C-alpha atoms as a PDB file:
ATOM      1  CA  MET A   1     105.783 148.564 133.143  1.00  0.00           C
ATOM      2  CA  PHE A   2     106.674 152.087 134.388  1.00  0.00           C
ATOM      3  CA  LEU A   3     104.269 155.289 134.035  1.00  0.00           C
ATOM      4  CA  MET A   4     107.247 157.600 133.248  1.00  0.00           C
ATOM      5  CA  SER A   5     107.125 161.241 132.962  1.00  0.00           C
ATOM      6  CA  GLY A   6     109.937 163.663 132.507  1.00  0.00           C
ATOM      7  CA  ILE A   7     113.385 163.087 131.187  1.00  0.00           C
ATOM      8  CA  GLU A   8     115.989 160.645 132.063  1.00  0.00           C
ATOM      9  CA  LEU A   9     119.292 161.921 133.999  1.00  0.00           C
ATOM     10  CA  GLU A  10     122.849 161.150 133.504  1.00  0.00           C
ATOM     11  CA  ASP A  11     124.787 159.619 136.672  1.00  0.00           C
ATOM     12  CA  LEU A  12     127.602 161.773 136.537  1.00  0.00           C
ATOM     13  CA  ARG A  13     129.593 160.206 139.574  1.00  0.00           C
ATOM     14  CA  GLU A  14     133.104 158.825 138.675  1.00  0.00           C
ATOM     15  CA  GLN A  15     132.524 155.715 139.894  1.00  0.00           C
ATOM     16  CA  HIS A  16     129.492 155.025 137.459  1.00  0.00           C
ATOM     17  CA  GLN A  17     130.955 156.228 134.518  1.00  0.00           C
ATOM     18  CA  SER A  18     130.560 154.538 131.392  1.00  0.00           C
ATOM     19  CA  ASN A  19     130.238 154.852 127.615  1.00  0.00           C
ATOM     20  CA  PRO A  20     127.692 155.349 126.387  1.00  0.00           C
ATOM     21  CA  ALA A  21     126.569 157.336 129.714  1.00  0.00           C
ATOM     22  CA  THR A  22     124.575 155.671 132.627  1.00  0.00           C
ATOM     23  CA  LEU A  23     121.347 157.234 132.708  1.00  0.00           C
ATOM     24  CA  TRP A  24     118.626 156.864 135.409  1.00  0.00           C
ATOM     25  CA  PHE A  25     114.665 157.967 136.118  1.00  0.00           C
ATOM     26  CA  VAL A  26     112.261 157.688 139.060  1.00  0.00           C
ATOM     27  CA  ALA A  27     108.622 156.406 138.269  1.00  0.00           C
ATOM     28  CA  LYS A  28     105.777 154.650 139.627  1.00  0.00           C
ATOM     29  CA  THR A  29     104.824 151.045 138.880  1.00  0.00           C
ATOM     30  CA  GLN A  30     101.464 150.114 137.886  1.00  0.00           C
ATOM     31  CA  THR A  31     100.828 149.046 141.595  1.00  0.00           C
ATOM     32  CA  GLY A  32     102.061 152.503 142.556  1.00  0.00           C
ATOM     33  CA  ARG A  33     105.756 151.490 144.103  1.00  0.00           C
ATOM     34  CA  VAL A  34     108.307 154.485 143.369  1.00  0.00           C
ATOM     35  CA  LEU A  35     111.257 152.971 141.743  1.00  0.00           C
ATOM     36  CA  LYS A  36     114.901 154.114 140.636  1.00  0.00           C
ATOM     37  CA  VAL A  37     115.474 152.700 137.197  1.00  0.00           C
ATOM     38  CA  VAL A  38     119.382 152.836 136.068  1.00  0.00           C
ATOM     39  CA  TYR A  39     120.189 151.874 132.674  1.00  0.00           C
ATOM     40  CA  VAL A  40     122.815 152.151 129.918  1.00  0.00           C
ATOM     41  CA  PRO A  41     121.676 152.671 126.600  1.00  0.00           C
ATOM     42  CA  TYR A  42     123.152 150.596 123.796  1.00  0.00           C
ATOM     43  CA  MET A  43     121.337 151.088 120.648  1.00  0.00           C
ATOM     44  CA  PRO A  44     118.921 149.566 119.203  1.00  0.00           C
ATOM     45  CA  THR A  45     118.496 148.233 123.295  1.00  0.00           C
ATOM     46  CA  SER A  46     119.251 149.258 126.714  1.00  0.00           C
ATOM     47  CA  VAL A  47     120.962 147.237 129.435  1.00  0.00           C
ATOM     48  CA  LEU A  48     119.379 147.535 132.806  1.00  0.00           C
ATOM     49  CA  ARG A  49     121.814 148.152 135.626  1.00  0.00           C
ATOM     50  CA  THR A  50     119.639 148.074 138.575  1.00  0.00           C
ATOM     51  CA  ALA A  51     116.031 149.126 139.749  1.00  0.00           C
ATOM     52  CA  TYR A  52     115.096 149.468 143.181  1.00  0.00           C
ATOM     53  CA  ASP A  53     112.882 151.403 145.778  1.00  0.00           C
ATOM     54  CA  ALA A  54     113.499 155.407 145.182  1.00  0.00           C
ATOM     55  CA  ASN A  55     114.781 156.794 148.470  1.00  0.00           C
ATOM     56  CA  ASN A  56     113.984 160.678 149.503  1.00  0.00           C
ATOM     57  CA  THR A  57     117.128 162.033 148.369  1.00  0.00           C
ATOM     58  CA  GLU A  58     116.654 160.403 144.896  1.00  0.00           C
ATOM     59  CA  ILE A  59     112.940 161.217 144.222  1.00  0.00           C
ATOM     60  CA  ASN A  60     113.787 165.153 145.180  1.00  0.00           C
ATOM     61  CA  ILE A  61     117.137 165.184 142.700  1.00  0.00           C
ATOM     62  CA  PHE A  62     114.453 163.863 140.097  1.00  0.00           C
ATOM     63  CA  LYS A  63     111.679 166.104 140.720  1.00  0.00           C
ATOM     64  CA  MET A  64     114.268 168.833 140.469  1.00  0.00           C
ATOM     65  CA  TYR A  65     115.742 168.094 137.243  1.00  0.00           C
ATOM     66  CA  GLY A  66     113.865 165.449 135.775  1.00  0.00           C
ATOM     67  CA  GLY A  67     110.355 166.402 136.004  1.00  0.00           C
ATOM     68  CA  SER A  68     107.417 164.812 137.934  1.00  0.00           C
ATOM     69  CA  ILE A  69     106.748 161.208 139.149  1.00  0.00           C
END
């Protein structure tokens, strides 16, 4: 479970393009671990692409464009 606030961001890098678009966010887990979660929303569900410890660059991009962590 994630404690997410803010909005998801679209991955605009060419090698990560998909239809529908690949989205991602950075959030803390209940234990305080900060993860980057990448997924593709296929209604009525989503497909998880990956989730891993977010690095400082990803955290800063998310804070700038997505919201707080």
